[in-house]
């Protein structure tokens, strides 16, 4: 991965974190963290992995982010000065949930 992509990923993660705090309205008790940002080498798409607590609300968060995707994209585009501007693709990061399942299995052994 090139240094440019690595820097862009960090920049997108920072800006999206600020935008989420300011503009994303979620129900009380639901917390969202941007766990990973991965931009394609041609700068066309950026995959944003979201970690949700509690995990059972992950579909609610994905639906809410999907509804506000264009306003989030617009806010990010105003902050970035790169061409082309990458399109955001949001996904749920289920690493924590899988780790909990493995831990439960190990405790049963």
PDB file of N, CA and C in Angstrom:
ATOM      1  N   UNK A   1       0.844  -1.177   0.000  1.00  0.00           N
ATOM      2  CA  UNK A   1       0.000   0.000   0.000  1.00  0.00           C
ATOM      3  C   UNK A   1       0.892   1.244   0.000  1.00  0.00           C
ATOM      4  N   UNK A   2       0.550   2.194  -0.818  1.00  0.00           N
ATOM      5  CA  UNK A   2       1.386   3.392  -0.951  1.00  0.00           C
ATOM      6  C   UNK A   2       1.204   4.336   0.244  1.00  0.00           C
ATOM      7  N   UNK A   3       2.181   5.184   0.435  1.00  0.00           N
ATOM      8  CA  UNK A   3       2.129   6.158   1.523  1.00  0.00           C
ATOM      9  C   UNK A   3       0.947   7.109   1.327  1.00  0.00           C
ATOM     10  N   UNK A   4       0.637   7.425   0.090  1.00  0.00           N
ATOM     11  CA  UNK A   4      -0.479   8.325  -0.194  1.00  0.00           C
ATOM     12  C   UNK A   4      -1.795   7.729   0.298  1.00  0.00           C
ATOM     13  N   UNK A   5      -2.007   6.449   0.027  1.00  0.00           N
ATOM     14  CA  UNK A   5      -3.234   5.773   0.456  1.00  0.00           C
ATOM     15  C   UNK A   5      -3.295   5.722   1.983  1.00  0.00           C
ATOM     16  N   UNK A   6      -2.178   5.411   2.624  1.00  0.00           N
ATOM     17  CA  UNK A   6      -2.133   5.335   4.090  1.00  0.00           C
ATOM     18  C   UNK A   6      -2.492   6.694   4.704  1.00  0.00           C
ATOM     19  N   UNK A   7      -1.915   7.766   4.173  1.00  0.00           N
ATOM     20  CA  UNK A   7      -2.216   9.115   4.676  1.00  0.00           C
ATOM     21  C   UNK A   7      -3.673   9.484   4.420  1.00  0.00           C
ATOM     22  N   UNK A   8      -4.182   9.140   3.240  1.00  0.00           N
ATOM     23  CA  UNK A   8      -5.574   9.434   2.915  1.00  0.00           C
ATOM     24  C   UNK A   8      -6.518   8.681   3.847  1.00  0.00           C
ATOM     25  N   UNK A   9      -6.219   7.420   4.144  1.00  0.00           N
ATOM     26  CA  UNK A   9      -7.045   6.632   5.061  1.00  0.00           C
ATOM     27  C   UNK A   9      -7.100   7.282   6.441  1.00  0.00           C
ATOM     28  N   UNK A  10      -5.950   7.737   6.940  1.00  0.00           N
ATOM     29  CA  UNK A  10      -5.918   8.405   8.247  1.00  0.00           C
ATOM     30  C   UNK A  10      -6.728   9.691   8.218  1.00  0.00           C
ATOM     31  N   UNK A  11      -6.588  10.442   7.147  1.00  0.00           N
ATOM     32  CA  UNK A  11      -7.304  11.706   7.010  1.00  0.00           C
ATOM     33  C   UNK A  11      -8.818  11.474   6.960  1.00  0.00           C
ATOM     34  N   UNK A  12      -9.249  10.501   6.180  1.00  0.00           N
ATOM     35  CA  UNK A  12     -10.675  10.186   6.072  1.00  0.00           C
ATOM     36  C   UNK A  12     -11.213   9.724   7.420  1.00  0.00           C
ATOM     37  N   UNK A  13     -10.449   8.891   8.114  1.00  0.00           N
ATOM     38  CA  UNK A  13     -10.888   8.388   9.430  1.00  0.00           C
ATOM     39  C   UNK A  13     -11.065   9.550  10.417  1.00  0.00           C
ATOM     40  N   UNK A  14     -10.116  10.468  10.432  1.00  0.00           N
ATOM     41  CA  UNK A  14     -10.192  11.619  11.331  1.00  0.00           C
ATOM     42  C   UNK A  14     -11.398  12.496  11.003  1.00  0.00           C
ATOM     43  N   UNK A  15     -11.549  12.845   9.731  1.00  0.00           N
ATOM     44  CA  UNK A  15     -12.655  13.715   9.323  1.00  0.00           C
ATOM     45  C   UNK A  15     -14.010  13.046   9.544  1.00  0.00           C
ATOM     46  N   UNK A  16     -14.123  11.754   9.209  1.00  0.00           N
ATOM     47  CA  UNK A  16     -15.395  11.065   9.405  1.00  0.00           C
ATOM     48  C   UNK A  16     -15.748  10.970  10.888  1.00  0.00           C
ATOM     49  N   UNK A  17     -14.752  10.768  11.740  1.00  0.00           N
ATOM     50  CA  UNK A  17     -15.008  10.732  13.175  1.00  0.00           C
ATOM     51  C   UNK A  17     -15.626  12.036  13.652  1.00  0.00           C
ATOM     52  N   UNK A  18     -15.079  13.147  13.188  1.00  0.00           N
ATOM     53  CA  UNK A  18     -15.624  14.464  13.543  1.00  0.00           C
ATOM     54  C   UNK A  18     -17.034  14.643  12.977  1.00  0.00           C
ATOM     55  N   UNK A  19     -17.231  14.218  11.748  1.00  0.00           N
ATOM     56  CA  UNK A  19     -18.539  14.356  11.101  1.00  0.00           C
ATOM     57  C   UNK A  19     -19.576  13.490  11.818  1.00  0.00           C
ATOM     58  N   UNK A  20     -19.202  12.268  12.200  1.00  0.00           N
ATOM     59  CA  UNK A  20     -20.122  11.389  12.919  1.00  0.00           C
ATOM     60  C   UNK A  20     -20.554  12.026  14.232  1.00  0.00           C
ATOM     61  N   UNK A  21     -19.616  12.609  14.966  1.00  0.00           N
ATOM     62  CA  UNK A  21     -19.951  13.241  16.247  1.00  0.00           C
ATOM     63  C   UNK A  21     -20.909  14.403  16.055  1.00  0.00           C
ATOM     64  N   UNK A  22     -20.713  15.164  15.002  1.00  0.00           N
ATOM     65  CA  UNK A  22     -21.505  16.367  14.768  1.00  0.00           C
ATOM     66  C   UNK A  22     -22.849  16.089  14.117  1.00  0.00           C
ATOM     67  N   UNK A  23     -22.878  15.205  13.132  1.00  0.00           N
ATOM     68  CA  UNK A  23     -24.053  15.113  12.266  1.00  0.00           C
ATOM     69  C   UNK A  23     -24.852  13.815  12.365  1.00  0.00           C
ATOM     70  N   UNK A  24     -24.283  12.764  12.903  1.00  0.00           N
ATOM     71  CA  UNK A  24     -24.987  11.482  12.944  1.00  0.00           C
ATOM     72  C   UNK A  24     -25.809  11.397  14.219  1.00  0.00           C
ATOM     73  N   UNK A  25     -27.099  11.241  14.077  1.00  0.00           N
ATOM     74  CA  UNK A  25     -27.978  11.172  15.244  1.00  0.00           C
ATOM     75  C   UNK A  25     -28.433   9.722  15.445  1.00  0.00           C
ATOM     76  N   UNK A  26     -27.951   9.129  16.526  1.00  0.00           N
ATOM     77  CA  UNK A  26     -28.300   7.751  16.876  1.00  0.00           C
ATOM     78  C   UNK A  26     -29.087   7.751  18.176  1.00  0.00           C
ATOM     79  N   UNK A  27     -29.817   6.665  18.424  1.00  0.00           N
ATOM     80  CA  UNK A  27     -30.576   6.575  19.669  1.00  0.00           C
ATOM     81  C   UNK A  27     -29.614   6.475  20.854  1.00  0.00           C
ATOM     82  N   UNK A  28     -30.047   6.893  22.024  1.00  0.00           N
ATOM     83  CA  UNK A  28     -29.170   6.874  23.207  1.00  0.00           C
ATOM     84  C   UNK A  28     -28.672   5.464  23.528  1.00  0.00           C
ATOM     85  N   UNK A  29     -27.429   5.373  23.965  1.00  0.00           N
ATOM     86  CA  UNK A  29     -26.854   4.093  24.350  1.00  0.00           C
ATOM     87  C   UNK A  29     -26.187   3.324  23.227  1.00  0.00           C
ATOM     88  N   UNK A  30     -26.177   3.881  22.024  1.00  0.00           N
ATOM     89  CA  UNK A  30     -25.527   3.237  20.882  1.00  0.00           C
ATOM     90  C   UNK A  30     -24.262   4.021  20.560  1.00  0.00           C
ATOM     91  N   UNK A  31     -23.143   3.304  20.520  1.00  0.00           N
ATOM     92  CA  UNK A  31     -21.859   3.937  20.251  1.00  0.00           C
ATOM     93  C   UNK A  31     -21.253   3.357  18.984  1.00  0.00           C
ATOM     94  N   UNK A  32     -20.721   4.230  18.147  1.00  0.00           N
ATOM     95  CA  UNK A  32     -20.118   3.819  16.875  1.00  0.00           C
ATOM     96  C   UNK A  32     -18.673   4.291  16.839  1.00  0.00           C
ATOM     97  N   UNK A  33     -17.791   3.377  16.453  1.00  0.00           N
ATOM     98  CA  UNK A  33     -16.381   3.693  16.280  1.00  0.00           C
ATOM     99  C   UNK A  33     -15.971   3.301  14.873  1.00  0.00           C
ATOM    100  N   UNK A  34     -15.175   4.126  14.237  1.00  0.00           N
ATOM    101  CA  UNK A  34     -14.632   3.774  12.922  1.00  0.00           C
ATOM    102  C   UNK A  34     -13.409   2.913  13.183  1.00  0.00           C
ATOM    103  N   UNK A  35     -13.524   1.613  12.897  1.00  0.00           N
ATOM    104  CA  UNK A  35     -12.431   0.701  13.218  1.00  0.00           C
ATOM    105  C   UNK A  35     -11.391   0.606  12.113  1.00  0.00           C
ATOM    106  N   UNK A  36     -11.808   0.803  10.867  1.00  0.00           N
ATOM    107  CA  UNK A  36     -10.840   0.707   9.772  1.00  0.00           C
ATOM    108  C   UNK A  36     -11.350   1.483   8.564  1.00  0.00           C
ATOM    109  N   UNK A  37     -10.424   2.095   7.857  1.00  0.00           N
ATOM    110  CA  UNK A  37     -10.722   2.787   6.603  1.00  0.00           C
ATOM    111  C   UNK A  37      -9.779   2.232   5.554  1.00  0.00           C
ATOM    112  N   UNK A  38     -10.342   1.796   4.437  1.00  0.00           N
ATOM    113  CA  UNK A  38      -9.540   1.168   3.387  1.00  0.00           C
ATOM    114  C   UNK A  38      -9.939   1.750   2.029  1.00  0.00           C
ATOM    115  N   UNK A  39      -9.035   2.489   1.432  1.00  0.00           N
ATOM    116  CA  UNK A  39      -9.290   3.138   0.136  1.00  0.00           C
ATOM    117  C   UNK A  39      -8.647   2.327  -0.977  1.00  0.00           C
ATOM    118  N   UNK A  40      -9.357   2.201  -2.092  1.00  0.00           N
ATOM    119  CA  UNK A  40      -8.811   1.466  -3.226  1.00  0.00           C
ATOM    120  C   UNK A  40      -7.658   2.254  -3.847  1.00  0.00           C
ATOM    121  N   UNK A  41      -6.721   1.578  -4.517  1.00  0.00           N
ATOM    122  CA  UNK A  41      -5.567   2.267  -5.116  1.00  0.00           C
ATOM    123  C   UNK A  41      -5.940   3.332  -6.147  1.00  0.00           C
ATOM    124  N   UNK A  42      -7.081   3.171  -6.824  1.00  0.00           N
ATOM    125  CA  UNK A  42      -7.486   4.178  -7.810  1.00  0.00           C
ATOM    126  C   UNK A  42      -8.275   5.334  -7.182  1.00  0.00           C
ATOM    127  N   UNK A  43      -8.427   5.338  -5.859  1.00  0.00           N
ATOM    128  CA  UNK A  43      -9.095   6.388  -5.084  1.00  0.00           C
ATOM    129  C   UNK A  43     -10.584   6.522  -5.410  1.00  0.00           C
ATOM    130  N   UNK A  44     -11.187   5.514  -5.973  1.00  0.00           N
ATOM    131  CA  UNK A  44     -12.604   5.583  -6.336  1.00  0.00           C
ATOM    132  C   UNK A  44     -13.518   5.267  -5.152  1.00  0.00           C
ATOM    133  N   UNK A  45     -13.131   4.313  -4.300  1.00  0.00           N
ATOM    134  CA  UNK A  45     -13.986   3.862  -3.201  1.00  0.00           C
ATOM    135  C   UNK A  45     -13.203   3.784  -1.903  1.00  0.00           C
ATOM    136  N   UNK A  46     -13.906   4.062  -0.816  1.00  0.00           N
ATOM    137  CA  UNK A  46     -13.345   3.908   0.522  1.00  0.00           C
ATOM    138  C   UNK A  46     -14.309   3.062   1.332  1.00  0.00           C
ATOM    139  N   UNK A  47     -13.799   1.933   1.828  1.00  0.00           N
ATOM    140  CA  UNK A  47     -14.605   1.057   2.677  1.00  0.00           C
ATOM    141  C   UNK A  47     -14.361   1.480   4.127  1.00  0.00           C
ATOM    142  N   UNK A  48     -15.451   1.781   4.833  1.00  0.00           N
ATOM    143  CA  UNK A  48     -15.369   2.226   6.217  1.00  0.00           C
ATOM    144  C   UNK A  48     -16.008   1.155   7.089  1.00  0.00           C
ATOM    145  N   UNK A  49     -15.196   0.533   7.961  1.00  0.00           N
ATOM    146  CA  UNK A  49     -15.699  -0.489   8.868  1.00  0.00           C
ATOM    147  C   UNK A  49     -16.094   0.162  10.181  1.00  0.00           C
ATOM    148  N   UNK A  50     -17.334  -0.073  10.598  1.00  0.00           N
ATOM    149  CA  UNK A  50     -17.876   0.521  11.809  1.00  0.00           C
ATOM    150  C   UNK A  50     -18.017  -0.537  12.896  1.00  0.00           C
ATOM    151  N   UNK A  51     -17.504  -0.222  14.067  1.00  0.00           N
ATOM    152  CA  UNK A  51     -17.670  -1.075  15.228  1.00  0.00           C
ATOM    153  C   UNK A  51     -18.808  -0.495  16.054  1.00  0.00           C
ATOM    154  N   UNK A  52     -19.805  -1.315  16.366  1.00  0.00           N
ATOM    155  CA  UNK A  52     -21.012  -0.835  17.043  1.00  0.00           C
ATOM    156  C   UNK A  52     -21.142  -1.500  18.405  1.00  0.00           C
ATOM    157  N   UNK A  53     -21.453  -0.688  19.413  1.00  0.00           N
ATOM    158  CA  UNK A  53     -21.736  -1.220  20.745  1.00  0.00           C
ATOM    159  C   UNK A  53     -23.079  -0.681  21.183  1.00  0.00           C
ATOM    160  N   UNK A  54     -24.010  -1.508  21.580  1.00  0.00           N
ATOM    161  CA  UNK A  54     -24.000  -2.971  21.561  1.00  0.00           C
ATOM    162  C   UNK A  54     -24.165  -3.505  20.138  1.00  0.00           C
ATOM    163  N   UNK A  55     -23.578  -4.663  19.909  1.00  0.00           N
ATOM    164  CA  UNK A  55     -23.530  -5.226  18.563  1.00  0.00           C
ATOM    165  C   UNK A  55     -24.917  -5.496  17.997  1.00  0.00           C
ATOM    166  N   UNK A  56     -25.886  -5.770  18.870  1.00  0.00           N
ATOM    167  CA  UNK A  56     -27.246  -6.083  18.395  1.00  0.00           C
ATOM    168  C   UNK A  56     -27.882  -4.907  17.642  1.00  0.00           C
ATOM    169  N   UNK A  57     -27.361  -3.698  17.848  1.00  0.00           N
ATOM    170  CA  UNK A  57     -27.882  -2.521  17.158  1.00  0.00           C
ATOM    171  C   UNK A  57     -27.131  -2.215  15.860  1.00  0.00           C
ATOM    172  N   UNK A  58     -26.321  -3.142  15.397  1.00  0.00           N
ATOM    173  CA  UNK A  58     -25.500  -2.873  14.214  1.00  0.00           C
ATOM    174  C   UNK A  58     -26.342  -2.655  12.958  1.00  0.00           C
ATOM    175  N   UNK A  59     -27.434  -3.383  12.793  1.00  0.00           N
ATOM    176  CA  UNK A  59     -28.279  -3.186  11.609  1.00  0.00           C
ATOM    177  C   UNK A  59     -28.983  -1.835  11.657  1.00  0.00           C
ATOM    178  N   UNK A  60     -29.370  -1.419  12.858  1.00  0.00           N
ATOM    179  CA  UNK A  60     -29.960  -0.088  13.027  1.00  0.00           C
ATOM    180  C   UNK A  60     -28.965   0.993  12.616  1.00  0.00           C
ATOM    181  N   UNK A  61     -27.706   0.854  13.058  1.00  0.00           N
ATOM    182  CA  UNK A  61     -26.670   1.837  12.731  1.00  0.00           C
ATOM    183  C   UNK A  61     -26.414   1.844  11.227  1.00  0.00           C
ATOM    184  N   UNK A  62     -26.318   0.670  10.622  1.00  0.00           N
ATOM    185  CA  UNK A  62     -26.078   0.587   9.179  1.00  0.00           C
ATOM    186  C   UNK A  62     -27.219   1.245   8.395  1.00  0.00           C
ATOM    187  N   UNK A  63     -28.441   1.044   8.835  1.00  0.00           N
ATOM    188  CA  UNK A  63     -29.594   1.653   8.173  1.00  0.00           C
ATOM    189  C   UNK A  63     -29.562   3.177   8.335  1.00  0.00           C
ATOM    190  N   UNK A  64     -29.238   3.638   9.543  1.00  0.00           N
ATOM    191  CA  UNK A  64     -29.170   5.081   9.804  1.00  0.00           C
ATOM    192  C   UNK A  64     -28.064   5.738   8.984  1.00  0.00           C
ATOM    193  N   UNK A  65     -26.898   5.103   8.941  1.00  0.00           N
ATOM    194  CA  UNK A  65     -25.784   5.646   8.154  1.00  0.00           C
ATOM    195  C   UNK A  65     -26.144   5.624   6.670  1.00  0.00           C
ATOM    196  N   UNK A  66     -26.847   4.586   6.251  1.00  0.00           N
ATOM    197  CA  UNK A  66     -27.277   4.509   4.858  1.00  0.00           C
ATOM    198  C   UNK A  66     -28.210   5.651   4.479  1.00  0.00           C
ATOM    199  N   UNK A  67     -29.125   6.022   5.389  1.00  0.00           N
ATOM    200  CA  UNK A  67     -30.042   7.131   5.125  1.00  0.00           C
ATOM    201  C   UNK A  67     -29.292   8.461   5.022  1.00  0.00           C
ATOM    202  N   UNK A  68     -28.255   8.625   5.842  1.00  0.00           N
ATOM    203  CA  UNK A  68     -27.520   9.883   5.886  1.00  0.00           C
ATOM    204  C   UNK A  68     -26.222   9.836   5.076  1.00  0.00           C
ATOM    205  N   UNK A  69     -26.085   8.815   4.240  1.00  0.00           N
ATOM    206  CA  UNK A  69     -24.846   8.599   3.492  1.00  0.00           C
ATOM    207  C   UNK A  69     -24.465   9.803   2.634  1.00  0.00           C
ATOM    208  N   UNK A  70     -25.432  10.393   1.954  1.00  0.00           N
ATOM    209  CA  UNK A  70     -25.112  11.484   1.030  1.00  0.00           C
ATOM    210  C   UNK A  70     -24.712  12.753   1.768  1.00  0.00           C
ATOM    211  N   UNK A  71     -25.319  13.019   2.913  1.00  0.00           N
ATOM    212  CA  UNK A  71     -24.894  14.195   3.681  1.00  0.00           C
ATOM    213  C   UNK A  71     -23.518  13.961   4.290  1.00  0.00           C
ATOM    214  N   UNK A  72     -23.234  12.717   4.732  1.00  0.00           N
ATOM    215  CA  UNK A  72     -21.905  12.380   5.251  1.00  0.00           C
ATOM    216  C   UNK A  72     -20.859  12.496   4.148  1.00  0.00           C
ATOM    217  N   UNK A  73     -21.195  11.989   2.955  1.00  0.00           N
ATOM    218  CA  UNK A  73     -20.294  12.064   1.815  1.00  0.00           C
ATOM    219  C   UNK A  73     -20.008  13.517   1.444  1.00  0.00           C
ATOM    220  N   UNK A  74     -21.045  14.341   1.438  1.00  0.00           N
ATOM    221  CA  UNK A  74     -20.881  15.754   1.098  1.00  0.00           C
ATOM    222  C   UNK A  74     -20.012  16.485   2.103  1.00  0.00           C
ATOM    223  N   UNK A  75     -20.223  16.208   3.399  1.00  0.00           N
ATOM    224  CA  UNK A  75     -19.417  16.849   4.440  1.00  0.00           C
ATOM    225  C   UNK A  75     -17.951  16.445   4.314  1.00  0.00           C
ATOM    226  N   UNK A  76     -17.704  15.169   3.996  1.00  0.00           N
ATOM    227  CA  UNK A  76     -16.329  14.703   3.811  1.00  0.00           C
ATOM    228  C   UNK A  76     -15.707  15.329   2.564  1.00  0.00           C
ATOM    229  N   UNK A  77     -16.462  15.406   1.490  1.00  0.00           N
ATOM    230  CA  UNK A  77     -15.943  15.979   0.237  1.00  0.00           C
ATOM    231  C   UNK A  77     -15.527  17.436   0.409  1.00  0.00           C
ATOM    232  N   UNK A  78     -16.234  18.180   1.266  1.00  0.00           N
ATOM    233  CA  UNK A  78     -15.870  19.577   1.512  1.00  0.00           C
ATOM    234  C   UNK A  78     -14.543  19.697   2.263  1.00  0.00           C
ATOM    235  N   UNK A  79     -14.156  18.643   2.990  1.00  0.00           N
ATOM    236  CA  UNK A  79     -12.915  18.679   3.760  1.00  0.00           C
ATOM    237  C   UNK A  79     -11.713  18.148   2.980  1.00  0.00           C
ATOM    238  N   UNK A  80     -11.967  17.269   2.009  1.00  0.00           N
ATOM    239  CA  UNK A  80     -10.872  16.662   1.250  1.00  0.00           C
ATOM    240  C   UNK A  80     -10.518  17.512   0.030  1.00  0.00           C
ATOM    241  N   UNK A  81      -9.240  17.538  -0.282  1.00  0.00           N
ATOM    242  CA  UNK A  81      -8.783  18.224  -1.493  1.00  0.00           C
ATOM    243  C   UNK A  81      -7.994  17.220  -2.335  1.00  0.00           C
ATOM    244  N   UNK A  82      -8.682  16.205  -2.789  1.00  0.00           N
ATOM    245  CA  UNK A  82      -8.061  15.170  -3.610  1.00  0.00           C
ATOM    246  C   UNK A  82      -8.982  14.870  -4.789  1.00  0.00           C
ATOM    247  N   UNK A  83      -8.395  14.443  -5.847  1.00  0.00           N
ATOM    248  CA  UNK A  83      -9.150  14.045  -7.034  1.00  0.00           C
ATOM    249  C   UNK A  83      -8.740  12.654  -7.420  1.00  0.00           C
ATOM    250  N   UNK A  84      -9.629  11.749  -7.686  1.00  0.00           N
ATOM    251  CA  UNK A  84     -11.069  11.848  -7.500  1.00  0.00           C
ATOM    252  C   UNK A  84     -11.436  11.737  -6.017  1.00  0.00           C
ATOM    253  N   UNK A  85     -12.633  12.165  -5.680  1.00  0.00           N
ATOM    254  CA  UNK A  85     -13.112  12.034  -4.309  1.00  0.00           C
ATOM    255  C   UNK A  85     -13.685  10.624  -4.147  1.00  0.00           C
ATOM    256  N   UNK A  86     -13.185   9.865  -3.175  1.00  0.00           N
ATOM    257  CA  UNK A  86     -13.644   8.477  -3.034  1.00  0.00           C
ATOM    258  C   UNK A  86     -15.081   8.383  -2.527  1.00  0.00           C
ATOM    259  N   UNK A  87     -15.815   7.421  -3.054  1.00  0.00           N
ATOM    260  CA  UNK A  87     -17.172   7.124  -2.608  1.00  0.00           C
ATOM    261  C   UNK A  87     -17.102   6.267  -1.352  1.00  0.00           C
ATOM    262  N   UNK A  88     -17.937   6.591  -0.377  1.00  0.00           N
ATOM    263  CA  UNK A  88     -17.927   5.860   0.886  1.00  0.00           C
ATOM    264  C   UNK A  88     -18.812   4.625   0.811  1.00  0.00           C
ATOM    265  N   UNK A  89     -18.301   3.513   1.333  1.00  0.00           N
ATOM    266  CA  UNK A  89     -19.049   2.271   1.458  1.00  0.00           C
ATOM    267  C   UNK A  89     -18.944   1.868   2.921  1.00  0.00           C
ATOM    268  N   UNK A  90     -20.075   1.831   3.622  1.00  0.00           N
ATOM    269  CA  UNK A  90     -20.078   1.514   5.049  1.00  0.00           C
ATOM    270  C   UNK A  90     -20.400   0.045   5.264  1.00  0.00           C
ATOM    271  N   UNK A  91     -19.635  -0.581   6.174  1.00  0.00           N
ATOM    272  CA  UNK A  91     -19.857  -1.975   6.549  1.00  0.00           C
ATOM    273  C   UNK A  91     -19.669  -2.103   8.055  1.00  0.00           C
ATOM    274  N   UNK A  92     -20.276  -3.149   8.620  1.00  0.00           N
ATOM    275  CA  UNK A  92     -20.137  -3.417  10.048  1.00  0.00           C
ATOM    276  C   UNK A  92     -18.917  -4.304  10.270  1.00  0.00           C
ATOM    277  N   UNK A  93     -18.099  -3.932  11.240  1.00  0.00           N
ATOM    278  CA  UNK A  93     -16.931  -4.724  11.626  1.00  0.00           C
ATOM    279  C   UNK A  93     -17.382  -5.703  12.708  1.00  0.00           C
ATOM    280  N   UNK A  94     -17.414  -6.974  12.374  1.00  0.00           N
ATOM    281  CA  UNK A  94     -17.902  -7.993  13.315  1.00  0.00           C
ATOM    282  C   UNK A  94     -16.772  -8.705  14.043  1.00  0.00           C
ATOM    283  N   UNK A  95     -15.580  -8.144  14.024  1.00  0.00           N
ATOM    284  CA  UNK A  95     -14.434  -8.775  14.673  1.00  0.00           C
ATOM    285  C   UNK A  95     -14.674  -8.969  16.160  1.00  0.00           C
ATOM    286  N   UNK A  96     -15.219  -7.962  16.831  1.00  0.00           N
ATOM    287  CA  UNK A  96     -15.468  -8.051  18.273  1.00  0.00           C
ATOM    288  C   UNK A  96     -16.464  -9.164  18.572  1.00  0.00           C
ATOM    289  N   UNK A  97     -17.514  -9.253  17.776  1.00  0.00           N
ATOM    290  CA  UNK A  97     -18.539 -10.276  17.991  1.00  0.00           C
ATOM    291  C   UNK A  97     -17.949 -11.672  17.807  1.00  0.00           C
ATOM    292  N   UNK A  98     -17.130 -11.859  16.789  1.00  0.00           N
ATOM    293  CA  UNK A  98     -16.496 -13.159  16.567  1.00  0.00           C
ATOM    294  C   UNK A  98     -15.541 -13.502  17.700  1.00  0.00           C
ATOM    295  N   UNK A  99     -14.819 -12.500  18.205  1.00  0.00           N
ATOM    296  CA  UNK A  99     -13.902 -12.723  19.322  1.00  0.00           C
ATOM    297  C   UNK A  99     -14.671 -13.146  20.573  1.00  0.00           C
ATOM    298  N   UNK A 100     -15.832 -12.534  20.810  1.00  0.00           N
ATOM    299  CA  UNK A 100     -16.656 -12.932  21.958  1.00  0.00           C
ATOM    300  C   UNK A 100     -17.136 -14.371  21.827  1.00  0.00           C
ATOM    301  N   UNK A 101     -17.539 -14.770  20.620  1.00  0.00           N
ATOM    302  CA  UNK A 101     -17.985 -16.145  20.397  1.00  0.00           C
ATOM    303  C   UNK A 101     -16.852 -17.135  20.662  1.00  0.00           C
ATOM    304  N   UNK A 102     -15.663 -16.828  20.184  1.00  0.00           N
ATOM    305  CA  UNK A 102     -14.512 -17.709  20.394  1.00  0.00           C
ATOM    306  C   UNK A 102     -14.178 -17.793  21.878  1.00  0.00           C
ATOM    307  N   UNK A 103     -14.243 -16.669  22.566  1.00  0.00           N
ATOM    308  CA  UNK A 103     -13.947 -16.657  24.001  1.00  0.00           C
ATOM    309  C   UNK A 103     -14.954 -17.514  24.778  1.00  0.00           C
ATOM    310  N   UNK A 104     -16.239 -17.443  24.402  1.00  0.00           N
ATOM    311  CA  UNK A 104     -17.263 -18.258  25.058  1.00  0.00           C
ATOM    312  C   UNK A 104     -17.000 -19.740  24.835  1.00  0.00           C
ATOM    313  N   UNK A 105     -16.596 -20.093  23.618  1.00  0.00           N
ATOM    314  CA  UNK A 105     -16.300 -21.487  23.296  1.00  0.00           C
ATOM    315  C   UNK A 105     -15.098 -21.963  24.116  1.00  0.00           C
ATOM    316  N   UNK A 106     -14.078 -21.130  24.202  1.00  0.00           N
ATOM    317  CA  UNK A 106     -12.885 -21.501  24.969  1.00  0.00           C
ATOM    318  C   UNK A 106     -13.195 -21.652  26.454  1.00  0.00           C
ATOM    319  N   UNK A 107     -14.074 -20.845  26.990  1.00  0.00           N
ATOM    320  CA  UNK A 107     -14.463 -20.961  28.399  1.00  0.00           C
ATOM    321  C   UNK A 107     -15.232 -22.243  28.672  1.00  0.00           C
ATOM    322  N   UNK A 108     -15.947 -22.736  27.672  1.00  0.00           N
ATOM    323  CA  UNK A 108     -16.710 -23.977  27.833  1.00  0.00           C
ATOM    324  C   UNK A 108     -15.834 -25.215  27.838  1.00  0.00           C
ATOM    325  N   UNK A 109     -14.637 -25.092  27.261  1.00  0.00           N
ATOM    326  CA  UNK A 109     -13.739 -26.246  27.163  1.00  0.00           C
ATOM    327  C   UNK A 109     -13.094 -26.532  28.479  1.00  0.00           C
TER     328      UNK A 109
END
